[in-house]
Amino acid sequence: MIKKLTCIACPQGCPLIAEIGQGRVSKVSGNKCPKGEEYAKQEIENPQRVLTSTILTQGLALKMAPVRTNKPIPKNKILEAMSEIKKLRLNRPVKVDEVIIENFMELGVDLITTRTVD
């Protein structure tokens, strides 16, 4: 099977062609740097994303506080992670980049704030 991708690992945006066999990348072409091959393999074999969202606040200036994971999480865990975030309530002031939950969902990432909320 052939899959076409646009590499986002660097600003060049190379058009990649990945040959896939048994769910694994066997060959990547079109990349102008080694990052392209790494990106194609990761995107096809184990896609990950940084999750950004908001959590409800109680008694603070903003009704919702923006948060994100500090590293990418597996794409197949996004919906479960959103369900967990939906359960959260923030009732204390926080600074930008403050950890809300360490080792979020035991994925080895932290859930952090992206804005100061008083």
C-alpha atoms as a PDB file:
ATOM      1  CA  MET A   1       0.000   0.000   0.000  1.00  0.00           C
ATOM      2  CA  ILE A   2       1.138   3.546  -0.735  1.00  0.00           C
ATOM      3  CA  LYS A   3       0.306   6.538   1.447  1.00  0.00           C
ATOM      4  CA  LYS A   4       1.016  10.155   0.558  1.00  0.00           C
ATOM      5  CA  LEU A   5       1.868  12.577   3.369  1.00  0.00           C
ATOM      6  CA  THR A   6       3.150  16.102   3.712  1.00  0.00           C
ATOM      7  CA  CYS A   7       6.000  16.232   6.184  1.00  0.00           C
ATOM      8  CA  ILE A   8       5.619  18.759   9.010  1.00  0.00           C
ATOM      9  CA  ALA A   9       8.892  17.962  10.793  1.00  0.00           C
ATOM     10  CA  CYS A  10      10.635  21.004   9.289  1.00  0.00           C
ATOM     11  CA  PRO A  11       9.597  24.085   7.275  1.00  0.00           C
ATOM     12  CA  GLN A  12      10.278  22.477   3.871  1.00  0.00           C
ATOM     13  CA  GLY A  13       6.963  20.564   3.829  1.00  0.00           C
ATOM     14  CA  CYS A  14       8.231  17.726   1.652  1.00  0.00           C
ATOM     15  CA  PRO A  15       5.651  15.587  -0.171  1.00  0.00           C
ATOM     16  CA  LEU A  16       6.324  12.082   1.134  1.00  0.00           C
ATOM     17  CA  ILE A  17       5.409   8.738  -0.357  1.00  0.00           C
ATOM     18  CA  ALA A  18       5.416   5.910   2.171  1.00  0.00           C
ATOM     19  CA  GLU A  19       5.265   2.271   1.168  1.00  0.00           C
ATOM     20  CA  ILE A  20       3.449   0.244   3.830  1.00  0.00           C
ATOM     21  CA  GLY A  21       3.408  -3.489   4.367  1.00  0.00           C
ATOM     22  CA  GLN A  22       1.775  -5.267   7.319  1.00  0.00           C
ATOM     23  CA  GLY A  23       1.126  -1.969   9.089  1.00  0.00           C
ATOM     24  CA  ARG A  24       4.773  -0.905   8.966  1.00  0.00           C
ATOM     25  CA  VAL A  25       6.608   1.551   6.760  1.00  0.00           C
ATOM     26  CA  SER A  26       9.059  -0.240   4.485  1.00  0.00           C
ATOM     27  CA  LYS A  27      10.239   2.724   2.384  1.00  0.00           C
ATOM     28  CA  VAL A  28       9.882   6.512   2.374  1.00  0.00           C
ATOM     29  CA  SER A  29      10.683   8.744  -0.584  1.00  0.00           C
ATOM     30  CA  GLY A  30      10.374  12.448  -1.297  1.00  0.00           C
ATOM     31  CA  ASN A  31      12.057  13.602   1.913  1.00  0.00           C
ATOM     32  CA  LYS A  32      14.889  16.118   1.661  1.00  0.00           C
ATOM     33  CA  CYS A  33      16.139  15.438   5.189  1.00  0.00           C
ATOM     34  CA  PRO A  34      16.198  12.468   7.590  1.00  0.00           C
ATOM     35  CA  LYS A  35      13.350  13.983   9.626  1.00  0.00           C
ATOM     36  CA  GLY A  36      10.926  13.121   6.807  1.00  0.00           C
ATOM     37  CA  GLU A  37      11.503   9.399   7.104  1.00  0.00           C
ATOM     38  CA  GLU A  38      11.148   9.552  10.899  1.00  0.00           C
ATOM     39  CA  TYR A  39       7.952  11.596  10.587  1.00  0.00           C
ATOM     40  CA  ALA A  40       6.349   9.183   8.096  1.00  0.00           C
ATOM     41  CA  LYS A  41       7.137   6.152  10.246  1.00  0.00           C
ATOM     42  CA  GLN A  42       5.791   7.778  13.390  1.00  0.00           C
ATOM     43  CA  GLU A  43       2.664   9.119  11.685  1.00  0.00           C
ATOM     44  CA  ILE A  44       1.736   5.767  10.144  1.00  0.00           C
ATOM     45  CA  GLU A  45       2.878   3.324  12.818  1.00  0.00           C
ATOM     46  CA  ASN A  46       2.135   5.308  15.995  1.00  0.00           C
ATOM     47  CA  PRO A  47       0.383   8.649  15.355  1.00  0.00           C
ATOM     48  CA  GLN A  48       0.577  11.086  18.270  1.00  0.00           C
ATOM     49  CA  ARG A  49      -0.743  14.565  18.965  1.00  0.00           C
ATOM     50  CA  VAL A  50      -0.384  17.255  21.605  1.00  0.00           C
ATOM     51  CA  LEU A  51      -3.850  17.617  23.128  1.00  0.00           C
ATOM     52  CA  THR A  52      -5.156  21.131  23.737  1.00  0.00           C
ATOM     53  CA  SER A  53      -8.389  21.803  25.577  1.00  0.00           C
ATOM     54  CA  THR A  54      -9.993  23.822  28.368  1.00  0.00           C
ATOM     55  CA  ILE A  55     -11.159  22.963  31.864  1.00  0.00           C
ATOM     56  CA  LEU A  56     -14.003  24.618  33.744  1.00  0.00           C
ATOM     57  CA  THR A  57     -13.111  26.946  36.589  1.00  0.00           C
ATOM     58  CA  GLN A  58     -14.950  27.816  39.782  1.00  0.00           C
ATOM     59  CA  GLY A  59     -14.638  31.246  41.400  1.00  0.00           C
ATOM     60  CA  LEU A  60     -11.955  32.553  39.010  1.00  0.00           C
ATOM     61  CA  ALA A  61     -11.870  35.463  36.544  1.00  0.00           C
ATOM     62  CA  LEU A  62     -12.207  33.160  33.529  1.00  0.00           C
ATOM     63  CA  LYS A  63     -14.954  30.560  33.106  1.00  0.00           C
ATOM     64  CA  MET A  64     -12.507  28.161  31.441  1.00  0.00           C
ATOM     65  CA  ALA A  65      -8.755  27.692  31.679  1.00  0.00           C
ATOM     66  CA  PRO A  66      -6.771  26.586  28.607  1.00  0.00           C
ATOM     67  CA  VAL A  67      -4.621  23.468  29.057  1.00  0.00           C
ATOM     68  CA  ARG A  68      -2.499  21.121  26.966  1.00  0.00           C
ATOM     69  CA  THR A  69      -0.332  18.061  27.301  1.00  0.00           C
ATOM     70  CA  ASN A  70       3.366  18.901  27.520  1.00  0.00           C
ATOM     71  CA  LYS A  71       4.190  16.099  25.037  1.00  0.00           C
ATOM     72  CA  PRO A  72       2.244  14.242  22.366  1.00  0.00           C
ATOM     73  CA  ILE A  73      -0.042  11.389  23.370  1.00  0.00           C
ATOM     74  CA  PRO A  74      -1.186   8.453  21.212  1.00  0.00           C
ATOM     75  CA  LYS A  75      -3.899   9.565  18.826  1.00  0.00           C
ATOM     76  CA  ASN A  76      -6.115   6.656  19.862  1.00  0.00           C
ATOM     77  CA  LYS A  77      -6.168   8.026  23.454  1.00  0.00           C
ATOM     78  CA  ILE A  78      -7.473  11.502  22.517  1.00  0.00           C
ATOM     79  CA  LEU A  79     -11.187  10.811  23.144  1.00  0.00           C
ATOM     80  CA  GLU A  80     -10.491   9.112  26.465  1.00  0.00           C
ATOM     81  CA  ALA A  81      -8.260  12.022  27.492  1.00  0.00           C
ATOM     82  CA  MET A  82     -10.977  14.521  26.560  1.00  0.00           C
ATOM     83  CA  SER A  83     -13.438  12.614  28.761  1.00  0.00           C
ATOM     84  CA  GLU A  84     -11.018  12.854  31.675  1.00  0.00           C
ATOM     85  CA  ILE A  85     -10.437  16.579  31.104  1.00  0.00           C
ATOM     86  CA  LYS A  86     -14.204  17.159  31.036  1.00  0.00           C
ATOM     87  CA  LYS A  87     -14.401  15.869  34.638  1.00  0.00           C
ATOM     88  CA  LEU A  88     -11.871  18.427  35.937  1.00  0.00           C
ATOM     89  CA  ARG A  89     -12.655  21.677  37.770  1.00  0.00           C
ATOM     90  CA  LEU A  90     -10.070  24.322  38.579  1.00  0.00           C
ATOM     91  CA  ASN A  91     -10.783  26.310  41.747  1.00  0.00           C
ATOM     92  CA  ARG A  92      -7.427  27.978  42.407  1.00  0.00           C
ATOM     93  CA  PRO A  93      -5.326  30.570  40.581  1.00  0.00           C
ATOM     94  CA  VAL A  94      -2.680  29.128  38.244  1.00  0.00           C
ATOM     95  CA  LYS A  95       0.305  30.436  36.307  1.00  0.00           C
ATOM     96  CA  VAL A  96       1.129  29.655  32.691  1.00  0.00           C
ATOM     97  CA  ASP A  97       2.887  26.261  32.283  1.00  0.00           C
ATOM     98  CA  GLU A  98       1.752  25.108  35.739  1.00  0.00           C
ATOM     99  CA  VAL A  99       1.227  21.366  36.012  1.00  0.00           C
ATOM    100  CA  ILE A 100      -2.418  20.508  36.681  1.00  0.00           C
ATOM    101  CA  ILE A 101      -1.976  16.714  36.570  1.00  0.00           C
ATOM    102  CA  GLU A 102       1.354  14.891  36.550  1.00  0.00           C
ATOM    103  CA  ASN A 103       1.571  11.718  34.459  1.00  0.00           C
ATOM    104  CA  PHE A 104      -1.868  12.375  32.973  1.00  0.00           C
ATOM    105  CA  MET A 105      -3.682   9.054  32.422  1.00  0.00           C
ATOM    106  CA  GLU A 106      -0.371   7.289  33.099  1.00  0.00           C
ATOM    107  CA  LEU A 107       0.815   8.296  29.619  1.00  0.00           C
ATOM    108  CA  GLY A 108       4.059   9.875  30.799  1.00  0.00           C
ATOM    109  CA  VAL A 109       2.863  13.414  30.006  1.00  0.00           C
ATOM    110  CA  ASP A 110       1.726  16.274  32.201  1.00  0.00           C
ATOM    111  CA  LEU A 111      -1.421  18.335  31.716  1.00  0.00           C
ATOM    112  CA  ILE A 112      -0.329  21.968  31.967  1.00  0.00           C
ATOM    113  CA  THR A 113      -1.963  25.391  31.794  1.00  0.00           C
ATOM    114  CA  THR A 114      -1.312  27.651  28.820  1.00  0.00           C
ATOM    115  CA  ARG A 115      -2.442  30.891  30.474  1.00  0.00           C
ATOM    116  CA  THR A 116      -2.317  32.527  33.867  1.00  0.00           C
ATOM    117  CA  VAL A 117      -5.758  32.473  35.479  1.00  0.00           C
ATOM    118  CA  ASP A 118      -6.437  34.557  38.629  1.00  0.00           C
END
